[in-house]
Amino acid sequence: MDKIKNISLKVRILFRKESDFYVAYCPALELSGYGYNKSDAKKSFSENLDIFLEEVNEKGTLDKVLLNLGWSLRKLNFFKNLSSSLNFS
């Protein structure tokens, strides 16, 4: 199986203050990070996301993990979208 070279995700991250820490939580990935302020929590989350993506990429299980998290697959018709934007006259 080919490994992913580039991936782009757009997910919602929720921030919550718990005691002396801020928690950054992404429900779509069930992934979190924490820190003493929002910036630290965001950095921690980003580091954890990188680790998560590296692990699923090495194991070749990204699609399986995302499906188990409730994501769905959708077919992208690249050529249909491409042909509508090109003019061959």
Protein backbone atom coordinates (compact mmCIF):
# COMPACT_ATOMS: atom_id res chain seq x y z
CA MET A 1 0.00 0.00 0.00
CA ASP A 2 1.31 3.47 -0.91
CA LYS A 3 2.09 5.78 1.96
CA ILE A 4 0.51 9.21 2.19
CA LYS A 5 2.92 11.99 1.26
CA ASN A 6 0.66 14.98 1.87
CA ILE A 7 -2.60 15.23 3.71
CA SER A 8 -4.79 18.22 4.40
CA LEU A 9 -7.41 18.15 7.13
CA LYS A 10 -9.85 20.79 8.20
CA VAL A 11 -11.36 19.87 11.56
CA ARG A 12 -12.92 21.75 14.43
CA ILE A 13 -10.89 22.09 17.61
CA LEU A 14 -12.68 22.96 20.84
CA PHE A 15 -10.85 24.70 23.68
CA ARG A 16 -11.87 24.28 27.28
CA LYS A 17 -10.29 25.43 30.52
CA GLU A 18 -9.97 22.68 33.11
CA SER A 19 -8.37 23.71 36.41
CA ASP A 20 -5.01 25.28 35.52
CA PHE A 21 -4.89 23.90 31.97
CA TYR A 22 -6.46 24.49 28.61
CA VAL A 23 -7.51 21.45 26.61
CA ALA A 24 -7.71 21.43 22.82
CA TYR A 25 -10.06 18.64 21.72
CA CYS A 26 -11.06 17.48 18.25
CA PRO A 27 -14.24 15.36 18.40
CA ALA A 28 -13.87 14.25 14.76
CA LEU A 29 -10.55 12.55 15.57
CA GLU A 30 -11.04 11.94 19.30
CA LEU A 31 -7.68 13.60 19.77
CA SER A 32 -6.59 16.21 22.30
CA GLY A 33 -3.70 18.26 23.60
CA TYR A 34 -3.26 20.47 26.62
CA GLY A 35 -1.20 23.35 27.98
CA TYR A 36 -1.13 26.27 30.40
CA ASN A 37 -2.70 28.53 27.77
CA LYS A 38 -4.57 28.16 24.46
CA SER A 39 -1.40 28.54 22.44
CA ASP A 40 0.33 25.71 24.34
CA ALA A 41 -2.78 23.54 24.03
CA LYS A 42 -2.90 24.17 20.28
CA LYS A 43 0.80 23.32 19.93
CA SER A 44 0.33 20.13 21.97
CA PHE A 45 -2.66 19.17 19.83
CA SER A 46 -0.67 19.78 16.65
CA GLU A 47 2.16 17.55 17.91
CA ASN A 48 -0.32 14.81 18.83
CA LEU A 49 -1.98 15.11 15.41
CA ASP A 50 1.39 14.71 13.70
CA ILE A 51 2.09 11.58 15.75
CA PHE A 52 -1.38 10.20 14.99
CA LEU A 53 -0.97 10.77 11.24
CA GLU A 54 2.53 9.27 11.21
CA GLU A 55 1.30 6.15 13.02
CA VAL A 56 -1.71 5.49 10.80
CA ASN A 57 0.38 6.23 7.73
CA GLU A 58 3.10 3.76 8.75
CA LYS A 59 0.48 1.10 9.49
CA GLY A 60 -1.57 1.92 6.39
CA THR A 61 -4.72 2.21 8.49
CA LEU A 62 -5.83 5.81 7.99
CA ASP A 63 -9.02 4.88 6.14
CA LYS A 64 -9.93 2.19 8.67
CA VAL A 65 -9.32 4.49 11.66
CA LEU A 66 -11.34 7.34 10.15
CA LEU A 67 -14.22 4.99 9.28
CA ASN A 68 -14.21 3.72 12.88
CA LEU A 69 -14.42 7.35 14.03
CA GLY A 70 -17.59 7.84 11.97
CA TRP A 71 -16.08 9.40 8.85
CA SER A 72 -17.40 8.32 5.45
CA LEU A 73 -15.76 7.78 2.08
CA ARG A 74 -16.82 9.83 -0.87
CA LYS A 75 -15.86 9.37 -4.47
CA LEU A 76 -14.22 12.40 -6.04
CA ASN A 77 -14.79 12.67 -9.76
CA PHE A 78 -11.60 14.51 -10.62
CA PHE A 79 -11.97 14.33 -14.40
CA LYS A 80 -15.55 15.61 -14.41
CA ASN A 81 -14.50 18.65 -12.39
CA LEU A 82 -11.41 19.15 -14.53
CA SER A 83 -13.21 18.93 -17.88
CA SER A 84 -15.79 21.51 -16.88
CA SER A 85 -13.01 24.04 -16.22
CA LEU A 86 -11.02 23.42 -19.44
CA ASN A 87 -11.76 24.78 -22.87
CA PHE A 88 -10.41 22.68 -25.75
CA SER A 89 -11.60 24.86 -28.67
